[in-house]
PDB file of N, CA and C in Angstrom:
ATOM      1  N   MET A   1       6.292   7.617  -9.523  1.00  0.00           N
ATOM      2  CA  MET A   1       5.790   7.597  -8.163  1.00  0.00           C
ATOM      3  C   MET A   1       5.851   6.158  -7.659  1.00  0.00           C
ATOM      4  N   ALA A   2       6.346   5.971  -6.464  1.00  0.00           N
ATOM      5  CA  ALA A   2       6.493   4.641  -5.888  1.00  0.00           C
ATOM      6  C   ALA A   2       5.355   4.358  -4.907  1.00  0.00           C
ATOM      7  N   SER A   3       4.899   3.123  -4.905  1.00  0.00           N
ATOM      8  CA  SER A   3       3.894   2.709  -3.932  1.00  0.00           C
ATOM      9  C   SER A   3       4.588   2.416  -2.596  1.00  0.00           C
ATOM     10  N   GLN A   4       3.785   2.255  -1.560  1.00  0.00           N
ATOM     11  CA  GLN A   4       4.368   1.893  -0.267  1.00  0.00           C
ATOM     12  C   GLN A   4       5.079   0.551  -0.369  1.00  0.00           C
ATOM     13  N   GLU A   5       4.549  -0.342  -1.163  1.00  0.00           N
ATOM     14  CA  GLU A   5       5.202  -1.643  -1.380  1.00  0.00           C
ATOM     15  C   GLU A   5       6.574  -1.454  -2.018  1.00  0.00           C
ATOM     16  N   GLU A   6       6.651  -0.600  -3.032  1.00  0.00           N
ATOM     17  CA  GLU A   6       7.925  -0.335  -3.702  1.00  0.00           C
ATOM     18  C   GLU A   6       8.907   0.366  -2.769  1.00  0.00           C
ATOM     19  N   LEU A   7       8.416   1.306  -1.967  1.00  0.00           N
ATOM     20  CA  LEU A   7       9.284   1.959  -0.981  1.00  0.00           C
ATOM     21  C   LEU A   7       9.829   0.936   0.005  1.00  0.00           C
ATOM     22  N   ALA A   8       8.973   0.018   0.422  1.00  0.00           N
ATOM     23  CA  ALA A   8       9.396  -1.019   1.364  1.00  0.00           C
ATOM     24  C   ALA A   8      10.500  -1.884   0.767  1.00  0.00           C
ATOM     25  N   LEU A   9      10.332  -2.288  -0.476  1.00  0.00           N
ATOM     26  CA  LEU A   9      11.367  -3.077  -1.132  1.00  0.00           C
ATOM     27  C   LEU A   9      12.674  -2.299  -1.241  1.00  0.00           C
ATOM     28  N   PHE A  10      12.566  -1.013  -1.546  1.00  0.00           N
ATOM     29  CA  PHE A  10      13.745  -0.163  -1.711  1.00  0.00           C
ATOM     30  C   PHE A  10      14.551  -0.048  -0.426  1.00  0.00           C
ATOM     31  N   VAL A  11      13.852   0.078   0.720  1.00  0.00           N
ATOM     32  CA  VAL A  11      14.553   0.261   1.995  1.00  0.00           C
ATOM     33  C   VAL A  11      14.713  -1.028   2.786  1.00  0.00           C
ATOM     34  N   GLY A  12      14.213  -2.136   2.233  1.00  0.00           N
ATOM     35  CA  GLY A  12      14.368  -3.423   2.920  1.00  0.00           C
ATOM     36  C   GLY A  12      13.463  -3.571   4.127  1.00  0.00           C
ATOM     37  N   ALA A  13      12.221  -3.097   4.002  1.00  0.00           N
ATOM     38  CA  ALA A  13      11.262  -3.165   5.099  1.00  0.00           C
ATOM     39  C   ALA A  13       9.957  -3.757   4.578  1.00  0.00           C
ATOM     40  N   THR A  14       9.011  -3.937   5.478  1.00  0.00           N
ATOM     41  CA  THR A  14       7.693  -4.395   5.052  1.00  0.00           C
ATOM     42  C   THR A  14       6.830  -3.189   4.688  1.00  0.00           C
ATOM     43  N   ARG A  15       5.800  -3.433   3.889  1.00  0.00           N
ATOM     44  CA  ARG A  15       4.878  -2.359   3.542  1.00  0.00           C
ATOM     45  C   ARG A  15       4.204  -1.814   4.803  1.00  0.00           C
ATOM     46  N   GLU A  16       3.913  -2.703   5.733  1.00  0.00           N
ATOM     47  CA  GLU A  16       3.263  -2.295   6.977  1.00  0.00           C
ATOM     48  C   GLU A  16       4.135  -1.354   7.787  1.00  0.00           C
ATOM     49  N   SER A  17       5.440  -1.649   7.862  1.00  0.00           N
ATOM     50  CA  SER A  17       6.328  -0.779   8.635  1.00  0.00           C
ATOM     51  C   SER A  17       6.507   0.576   7.947  1.00  0.00           C
ATOM     52  N   VAL A  18       6.536   0.579   6.620  1.00  0.00           N
ATOM     53  CA  VAL A  18       6.598   1.847   5.888  1.00  0.00           C
ATOM     54  C   VAL A  18       5.346   2.661   6.188  1.00  0.00           C
ATOM     55  N   ASN A  19       4.193   2.012   6.156  1.00  0.00           N
ATOM     56  CA  ASN A  19       2.939   2.701   6.450  1.00  0.00           C
ATOM     57  C   ASN A  19       2.944   3.259   7.865  1.00  0.00           C
ATOM     58  N   GLN A  20       3.407   2.490   8.839  1.00  0.00           N
ATOM     59  CA  GLN A  20       3.466   2.955  10.225  1.00  0.00           C
ATOM     60  C   GLN A  20       4.376   4.169  10.360  1.00  0.00           C
ATOM     61  N   GLN A  21       5.523   4.123   9.710  1.00  0.00           N
ATOM     62  CA  GLN A  21       6.449   5.254   9.781  1.00  0.00           C
ATOM     63  C   GLN A  21       5.855   6.503   9.145  1.00  0.00           C
ATOM     64  N   LEU A  22       5.222   6.332   7.991  1.00  0.00           N
ATOM     65  CA  LEU A  22       4.596   7.473   7.313  1.00  0.00           C
ATOM     66  C   LEU A  22       3.479   8.065   8.166  1.00  0.00           C
ATOM     67  N   GLN A  23       2.680   7.209   8.792  1.00  0.00           N
ATOM     68  CA  GLN A  23       1.601   7.702   9.647  1.00  0.00           C
ATOM     69  C   GLN A  23       2.161   8.455  10.853  1.00  0.00           C
ATOM     70  N   GLY A  24       3.272   7.961  11.407  1.00  0.00           N
ATOM     71  CA  GLY A  24       3.920   8.661  12.518  1.00  0.00           C
ATOM     72  C   GLY A  24       4.445  10.025  12.096  1.00  0.00           C
ATOM     73  N   LEU A  25       5.064  10.086  10.926  1.00  0.00           N
ATOM     74  CA  LEU A  25       5.569  11.359  10.414  1.00  0.00           C
ATOM     75  C   LEU A  25       4.413  12.321  10.151  1.00  0.00           C
ATOM     76  N   LYS A  26       3.295  11.783   9.694  1.00  0.00           N
ATOM     77  CA  LYS A  26       2.106  12.613   9.459  1.00  0.00           C
ATOM     78  C   LYS A  26       1.576  13.164  10.783  1.00  0.00           C
ATOM     79  N   GLN A  27       1.470  12.322  11.792  1.00  0.00           N
ATOM     80  CA  GLN A  27       0.983  12.755  13.101  1.00  0.00           C
ATOM     81  C   GLN A  27       1.888  13.813  13.713  1.00  0.00           C
ATOM     82  N   ASP A  28       3.175  13.729  13.435  1.00  0.00           N
ATOM     83  CA  ASP A  28       4.139  14.707  13.946  1.00  0.00           C
ATOM     84  C   ASP A  28       4.155  15.997  13.123  1.00  0.00           C
ATOM     85  N   GLY A  29       3.361  16.042  12.057  1.00  0.00           N
ATOM     86  CA  GLY A  29       3.285  17.235  11.220  1.00  0.00           C
ATOM     87  C   GLY A  29       4.461  17.409  10.280  1.00  0.00           C
ATOM     88  N   LEU A  30       5.197  16.333  10.031  1.00  0.00           N
ATOM     89  CA  LEU A  30       6.378  16.415   9.176  1.00  0.00           C
ATOM     90  C   LEU A  30       6.057  16.180   7.710  1.00  0.00           C
ATOM     91  N   VAL A  31       5.022  15.389   7.448  1.00  0.00           N
ATOM     92  CA  VAL A  31       4.621  15.109   6.075  1.00  0.00           C
ATOM     93  C   VAL A  31       3.104  15.184   5.959  1.00  0.00           C
ATOM     94  N   GLU A  32       2.662  15.331   4.735  1.00  0.00           N
ATOM     95  CA  GLU A  32       1.236  15.246   4.416  1.00  0.00           C
ATOM     96  C   GLU A  32       1.096  14.139   3.380  1.00  0.00           C
ATOM     97  N   LEU A  33       0.115  13.278   3.568  1.00  0.00           N
ATOM     98  CA  LEU A  33      -0.115  12.170   2.657  1.00  0.00           C
ATOM     99  C   LEU A  33      -1.436  12.419   1.944  1.00  0.00           C
ATOM    100  N   SER A  34      -1.384  12.515   0.623  1.00  0.00           N
ATOM    101  CA  SER A  34      -2.628  12.718  -0.129  1.00  0.00           C
ATOM    102  C   SER A  34      -2.459  12.252  -1.564  1.00  0.00           C
ATOM    103  N   GLY A  35      -3.471  11.581  -2.048  1.00  0.00           N
ATOM    104  CA  GLY A  35      -3.462  11.120  -3.432  1.00  0.00           C
ATOM    105  C   GLY A  35      -2.281  10.234  -3.773  1.00  0.00           C
ATOM    106  N   GLY A  36      -1.821   9.441  -2.813  1.00  0.00           N
ATOM    107  CA  GLY A  36      -0.687   8.565  -3.066  1.00  0.00           C
ATOM    108  C   GLY A  36       0.657   9.270  -3.079  1.00  0.00           C
ATOM    109  N   ARG A  37       0.655  10.526  -2.672  1.00  0.00           N
ATOM    110  CA  ARG A  37       1.903  11.317  -2.652  1.00  0.00           C
ATOM    111  C   ARG A  37       2.299  11.651  -1.221  1.00  0.00           C
ATOM    112  N   ILE A  38       3.586  11.847  -1.042  1.00  0.00           N
ATOM    113  CA  ILE A  38       4.125  12.263   0.248  1.00  0.00           C
ATOM    114  C   ILE A  38       4.663  13.674   0.074  1.00  0.00           C
ATOM    115  N   HIS A  39       4.077  14.612   0.784  1.00  0.00           N
ATOM    116  CA  HIS A  39       4.529  16.001   0.720  1.00  0.00           C
ATOM    117  C   HIS A  39       5.332  16.306   1.977  1.00  0.00           C
ATOM    118  N   LEU A  40       6.576  16.724   1.795  1.00  0.00           N
ATOM    119  CA  LEU A  40       7.431  17.062   2.924  1.00  0.00           C
ATOM    120  C   LEU A  40       7.085  18.468   3.403  1.00  0.00           C
ATOM    121  N   LEU A  41       6.737  18.582   4.685  1.00  0.00           N
ATOM    122  CA  LEU A  41       6.306  19.864   5.237  1.00  0.00           C
ATOM    123  C   LEU A  41       7.393  20.545   6.062  1.00  0.00           C
ATOM    124  N   GLU A  42       8.159  19.771   6.763  1.00  0.00           N
ATOM    125  CA  GLU A  42       9.171  20.306   7.686  1.00  0.00           C
ATOM    126  C   GLU A  42      10.548  19.767   7.295  1.00  0.00           C
ATOM    127  N   HIS A  43      11.131  20.353   6.254  1.00  0.00           N
ATOM    128  CA  HIS A  43      12.401  19.853   5.721  1.00  0.00           C
ATOM    129  C   HIS A  43      13.508  19.820   6.771  1.00  0.00           C
ATOM    130  N   ARG A  44      13.646  20.882   7.530  1.00  0.00           N
ATOM    131  CA  ARG A  44      14.740  20.932   8.523  1.00  0.00           C
ATOM    132  C   ARG A  44      14.551  19.904   9.624  1.00  0.00           C
ATOM    133  N   ARG A  45      13.324  19.774  10.122  1.00  0.00           N
ATOM    134  CA  ARG A  45      13.059  18.776  11.171  1.00  0.00           C
ATOM    135  C   ARG A  45      13.298  17.366  10.651  1.00  0.00           C
ATOM    136  N   LEU A  46      12.900  17.106   9.409  1.00  0.00           N
ATOM    137  CA  LEU A  46      13.148  15.790   8.820  1.00  0.00           C
ATOM    138  C   LEU A  46      14.645  15.533   8.686  1.00  0.00           C
ATOM    139  N   ALA A  47      15.398  16.539   8.258  1.00  0.00           N
ATOM    140  CA  ALA A  47      16.853  16.373   8.125  1.00  0.00           C
ATOM    141  C   ALA A  47      17.486  16.087   9.473  1.00  0.00           C
ATOM    142  N   ARG A  48      17.041  16.770  10.521  1.00  0.00           N
ATOM    143  CA  ARG A  48      17.568  16.509  11.875  1.00  0.00           C
ATOM    144  C   ARG A  48      17.213  15.092  12.334  1.00  0.00           C
ATOM    145  N   LEU A  49      15.998  14.675  12.044  1.00  0.00           N
ATOM    146  CA  LEU A  49      15.565  13.328  12.409  1.00  0.00           C
ATOM    147  C   LEU A  49      16.431  12.281  11.713  1.00  0.00           C
ATOM    148  N   ILE A  50      16.700  12.479  10.446  1.00  0.00           N
ATOM    149  CA  ILE A  50      17.525  11.540   9.690  1.00  0.00           C
ATOM    150  C   ILE A  50      18.951  11.546  10.225  1.00  0.00           C
ATOM    151  N   SER A  51      19.482  12.729  10.519  1.00  0.00           N
ATOM    152  CA  SER A  51      20.863  12.832  11.034  1.00  0.00           C
ATOM    153  C   SER A  51      21.001  12.148  12.377  1.00  0.00           C
ATOM    154  N   SER A  52      19.991  12.267  13.215  1.00  0.00           N
ATOM    155  CA  SER A  52      20.073  11.662  14.549  1.00  0.00           C
ATOM    156  C   SER A  52      19.926  10.152  14.498  1.00  0.00           C
ATOM    157  N   ALA A  53      19.409   9.597  13.401  1.00  0.00           N
ATOM    158  CA  ALA A  53      19.238   8.151  13.269  1.00  0.00           C
ATOM    159  C   ALA A  53      20.529   7.462  12.867  1.00  0.00           C
ATOM    160  N   ASP A  54      21.513   8.212  12.391  1.00  0.00           N
ATOM    161  CA  ASP A  54      22.772   7.604  11.947  1.00  0.00           C
ATOM    162  C   ASP A  54      23.616   7.135  13.059  1.00  0.00           C
TER     163      ASP A  54
END
């Protein structure tokens, strides 16, 4: 399991920006954050979001 700090290093971002993105995804109902884990709730919507970012 990776921490937000480790995720930030992996994607070349700050821990704060990773946290902001995760909180936004949570507010949009795409993920659930609990116990240090990220649970993907809306796989198709997330895939569309990722595809549109390219």
